[in-house]
Amino acid sequence: MALSFEVNQEVANPACPQWGVGKVLSIESTNGGNVQRIRVNFAGVGVKTLMIPPGRLIVSQGQDPANSTLMEGEDEEAMAARLQAIPEVIGDRQAGFDVRLNEVVGLYRFSGDRRDIFDWAAWQLGTRDPLGYFSADDLDLYFSNFSRSRDRVLIQLYQEACRTGLRDRFLSELKNKTTEKIYLRIWEVLENQQSNPNRVGNERRKVRSYSRRDLFRE
């Protein structure tokens, strides 16, 4: 029977013991409840997102957990890299297409306004006050870098869906998982991509029209 985890529980990753003990930050069910997406702040590497299964976590046996903010002694370069990181599960085909798409879509809940950038930084770092570590201008810069990275993985996943016969599934799941604002934000990225922009633009117009009529009409 699979273990059940709770927020603030102390856990460890048996496959990566060098990460140290971590504290569970959030738990979300995906794939019809068969998979859990668990964010953990590990003492050795900071915040990581794991899909359980195929990943594994175990309850820690009394070691000191990671605290809820940044690691003591972590240098600015390491913190900046962690701030701009894209979840590793997006590139893991073994995690399943739906899980990866859900993870990508979740990245687009953050827009480029200051409030969202603050929330994004807090989410990425696992701290309530990212301005205690970076200036607002620094956060703007790092968010721009992060945005380019999330756009790149979104486009890659869409192109993968087209190559593997999952395009319709991609579009259906995209409509089901987003608000209209996030939905159009994502399709603006796909429309503006450099590779075959006309095809994507035509699909955007078709799918946006369908979604407005059938999903977003009040």
Protein backbone atom coordinates (compact mmCIF):
# COMPACT_ATOMS: atom_id res chain seq x y z
CA MET A 1 0.00 0.00 0.00
CA ALA A 2 1.32 3.47 -0.90
CA LEU A 3 2.34 5.75 1.92
CA SER A 4 0.16 8.76 2.64
CA PHE A 5 2.00 12.02 3.22
CA GLU A 6 0.95 15.27 4.88
CA VAL A 7 2.01 18.91 4.59
CA ASN A 8 4.87 19.74 7.02
CA GLN A 9 5.80 16.07 7.33
CA GLU A 10 9.51 15.25 7.36
CA VAL A 11 10.52 12.98 4.48
CA ALA A 12 13.53 11.76 2.51
CA ASN A 13 14.13 10.54 -1.04
CA PRO A 14 15.70 7.06 -0.85
CA ALA A 15 17.02 7.42 -4.41
CA CYS A 16 18.89 10.66 -3.51
CA PRO A 17 20.00 10.45 0.13
CA GLN A 18 22.40 13.35 -0.48
CA TRP A 19 19.35 15.65 -0.62
CA GLY A 20 18.93 15.23 3.10
CA VAL A 21 15.68 15.45 5.01
CA GLY A 22 12.91 17.65 3.64
CA LYS A 23 9.64 19.17 4.74
CA VAL A 24 6.53 18.63 2.61
CA LEU A 25 5.25 21.99 1.31
CA SER A 26 2.26 20.93 -0.77
CA ILE A 27 0.46 17.85 -2.11
CA GLU A 28 -1.74 17.67 -5.20
CA SER A 29 -3.47 14.66 -6.76
CA THR A 30 -3.25 14.20 -10.53
CA ASN A 31 -4.10 11.57 -13.12
CA GLY A 32 -7.43 10.75 -11.52
CA GLY A 33 -5.92 10.53 -8.06
CA ASN A 34 -3.44 7.82 -9.02
CA VAL A 35 -0.43 10.14 -8.82
CA GLN A 36 0.55 12.71 -6.21
CA ARG A 37 2.63 15.79 -7.05
CA ILE A 38 4.51 16.59 -3.86
CA ARG A 39 6.71 19.67 -3.34
CA VAL A 40 9.38 19.20 -0.72
CA ASN A 41 11.98 21.61 0.66
CA PHE A 42 15.08 19.42 1.09
CA ALA A 43 17.96 20.48 3.33
CA GLY A 44 20.57 19.69 0.67
CA VAL A 45 19.02 20.98 -2.56
CA GLY A 46 16.05 23.17 -1.74
CA VAL A 47 12.57 22.79 -3.22
CA LYS A 48 11.91 19.80 -5.48
CA THR A 49 8.70 18.51 -7.06
CA LEU A 50 8.25 14.74 -7.16
CA MET A 51 5.59 12.62 -8.81
CA ILE A 52 4.63 9.70 -6.57
CA PRO A 53 4.67 7.19 -8.28
CA PRO A 54 7.01 6.67 -10.08
CA GLY A 55 9.11 8.57 -7.55
CA ARG A 56 9.43 7.50 -3.92
CA LEU A 57 9.51 9.24 -0.57
CA ILE A 58 9.94 7.78 2.89
CA VAL A 59 9.14 9.23 6.29
CA SER A 60 12.35 10.51 7.88
CA GLN A 61 13.69 8.95 11.04
CA GLY A 62 14.32 11.95 13.23
CA GLN A 63 16.97 13.96 11.35
CA ASP A 64 16.73 17.73 11.23
CA PRO A 65 14.31 18.80 8.46
CA ALA A 66 14.86 21.57 5.97
CA ASN A 67 13.45 24.84 7.21
CA SER A 68 10.71 26.66 5.36
CA THR A 69 12.99 29.35 3.97
CA LEU A 70 16.30 29.31 2.14
CA MET A 71 19.16 27.11 3.25
CA GLU A 72 21.73 28.64 5.53
CA GLY A 73 24.94 29.39 3.69
CA GLU A 74 23.46 29.00 0.20
CA ASP A 75 25.20 31.46 -2.12
CA GLU A 76 23.38 33.90 -4.37
CA GLU A 77 24.24 32.03 -7.56
CA ALA A 78 22.72 28.80 -6.24
CA MET A 79 19.60 30.62 -5.06
CA ALA A 80 19.22 32.35 -8.42
CA ALA A 81 19.52 29.03 -10.24
CA ARG A 82 16.88 27.50 -8.00
CA LEU A 83 14.63 30.50 -8.53
CA GLN A 84 14.72 30.10 -12.31
CA ALA A 85 14.49 26.30 -12.41
CA ILE A 86 11.80 24.44 -14.34
CA PRO A 87 10.37 21.27 -12.68
CA GLU A 88 12.45 18.28 -13.75
CA VAL A 89 9.38 16.09 -14.18
CA ILE A 90 8.42 18.03 -17.34
CA GLY A 91 11.31 16.44 -19.21
CA ASP A 92 10.70 12.95 -17.81
CA ARG A 93 8.67 10.95 -20.34
CA GLN A 94 8.23 8.15 -17.82
CA ALA A 95 6.09 10.51 -15.73
CA GLY A 96 3.36 10.38 -18.38
CA PHE A 97 2.07 13.00 -20.81
CA ASP A 98 -0.85 14.20 -18.66
CA VAL A 99 1.37 14.73 -15.63
CA ARG A 100 3.92 16.69 -17.64
CA LEU A 101 1.25 18.84 -19.31
CA ASN A 102 -0.37 19.57 -15.97
CA GLU A 103 2.99 20.67 -14.59
CA VAL A 104 3.66 22.98 -17.57
CA VAL A 105 0.19 24.53 -17.40
CA GLY A 106 0.68 25.26 -13.71
CA LEU A 107 3.69 27.45 -14.51
CA TYR A 108 1.47 29.88 -16.43
CA ARG A 109 -0.62 30.93 -13.45
CA PHE A 110 2.09 33.54 -12.86
CA SER A 111 1.96 36.63 -15.08
CA GLY A 112 4.54 39.38 -15.31
CA ASP A 113 3.01 41.81 -12.82
CA ARG A 114 4.80 42.54 -9.55
CA ARG A 115 2.32 40.71 -7.32
CA ASP A 116 2.55 37.55 -9.40
CA ILE A 117 6.33 37.77 -9.59
CA PHE A 118 6.50 37.98 -5.80
CA ASP A 119 4.20 34.95 -5.49
CA TRP A 120 6.25 33.09 -8.09
CA ALA A 121 9.50 33.74 -6.22
CA ALA A 122 7.96 32.65 -2.92
CA TRP A 123 6.69 29.47 -4.58
CA GLN A 124 10.00 28.66 -6.25
CA LEU A 125 12.12 29.24 -3.17
CA GLY A 126 9.77 28.01 -0.46
CA THR A 127 10.01 31.26 1.48
CA ARG A 128 7.42 33.83 2.49
CA ASP A 129 9.70 36.80 1.80
CA PRO A 130 11.80 36.50 -1.37
CA LEU A 131 12.56 40.23 -1.14
CA GLY A 132 14.69 39.36 1.85
CA TYR A 133 17.11 37.73 -0.59
CA PHE A 134 16.63 39.51 -3.93
CA SER A 135 15.67 43.02 -4.98
CA ALA A 136 12.47 43.61 -6.96
CA ASP A 137 14.59 44.37 -10.05
CA ASP A 138 16.45 41.08 -9.63
CA LEU A 139 13.17 39.20 -9.38
CA ASP A 140 11.95 40.89 -12.58
CA LEU A 141 15.09 39.74 -14.39
CA TYR A 142 14.94 36.20 -13.07
CA PHE A 143 11.25 35.93 -13.90
CA SER A 144 12.00 36.95 -17.49
CA ASN A 145 14.55 34.13 -17.68
CA PHE A 146 12.08 31.71 -16.12
CA SER A 147 9.38 32.80 -18.57
CA ARG A 148 11.60 32.03 -21.55
CA SER A 149 12.35 28.60 -20.11
CA ARG A 150 8.70 27.77 -19.48
CA ASP A 151 7.79 28.93 -23.00
CA ARG A 152 10.47 26.66 -24.41
CA VAL A 153 9.27 23.55 -22.55
CA LEU A 154 5.65 24.35 -23.46
CA ILE A 155 6.53 24.51 -27.16
CA GLN A 156 8.59 21.33 -26.90
CA LEU A 157 5.72 19.46 -25.27
CA TYR A 158 3.26 20.71 -27.88
CA GLN A 159 5.57 19.64 -30.70
CA GLU A 160 6.00 16.26 -29.04
CA ALA A 161 2.21 15.92 -28.87
CA CYS A 162 1.94 16.69 -32.58
CA ARG A 163 4.61 14.13 -33.47
CA THR A 164 3.12 11.35 -31.35
CA GLY A 165 -0.55 11.74 -32.21
CA LEU A 166 -1.46 13.43 -28.92
CA ARG A 167 -2.31 16.87 -30.29
CA ASP A 168 -6.06 16.54 -29.72
CA ARG A 169 -5.43 15.29 -26.21
CA PHE A 170 -3.11 18.23 -25.60
CA LEU A 171 -5.79 20.69 -26.70
CA SER A 172 -8.54 18.99 -24.74
CA GLU A 173 -6.50 18.82 -21.55
CA LEU A 174 -5.38 22.42 -22.00
CA LYS A 175 -8.99 23.61 -22.15
CA ASN A 176 -9.96 21.50 -19.15
CA LYS A 177 -7.07 22.57 -16.93
CA THR A 178 -7.03 26.35 -17.37
CA THR A 179 -8.97 29.53 -16.92
CA GLU A 180 -9.57 31.62 -20.03
CA LYS A 181 -6.81 34.05 -19.05
CA ILE A 182 -4.21 31.32 -18.64
CA TYR A 183 -5.47 29.51 -21.73
CA LEU A 184 -4.96 32.56 -23.96
CA ARG A 185 -1.60 33.30 -22.33
CA ILE A 186 -0.41 29.84 -23.33
CA TRP A 187 -1.73 30.08 -26.87
CA GLU A 188 -0.05 33.44 -27.36
CA VAL A 189 3.24 31.67 -26.69
CA LEU A 190 2.45 28.92 -29.19
CA GLU A 191 1.33 31.45 -31.79
CA ASN A 192 4.56 33.39 -31.51
CA GLN A 193 6.93 30.45 -31.74
CA GLN A 194 9.43 30.59 -34.57
CA SER A 195 8.82 27.09 -35.94
CA ASN A 196 5.82 26.93 -38.32
CA PRO A 197 3.99 29.96 -36.83
CA ASN A 198 1.12 29.95 -39.36
CA ARG A 199 0.00 26.44 -38.46
CA VAL A 200 0.04 27.15 -34.77
CA GLY A 201 -1.68 30.48 -35.30
CA ASN A 202 -4.50 28.84 -37.24
CA GLU A 203 -4.95 26.22 -34.53
CA ARG A 204 -4.96 28.91 -31.88
CA ARG A 205 -7.80 30.76 -33.59
CA LYS A 206 -9.76 27.54 -34.05
CA VAL A 207 -9.27 26.30 -30.49
CA ARG A 208 -9.80 29.70 -28.89
CA SER A 209 -13.11 30.08 -30.73
CA TYR A 210 -14.23 26.63 -29.63
CA SER A 211 -13.19 27.20 -26.03
CA ARG A 212 -14.93 30.56 -25.76
CA ARG A 213 -18.15 29.07 -27.07
CA ASP A 214 -18.18 25.84 -25.08
CA LEU A 215 -16.08 26.39 -21.97
CA PHE A 216 -15.73 30.04 -21.04
CA ARG A 217 -19.14 31.40 -21.86
CA GLU A 218 -20.83 32.58 -18.69
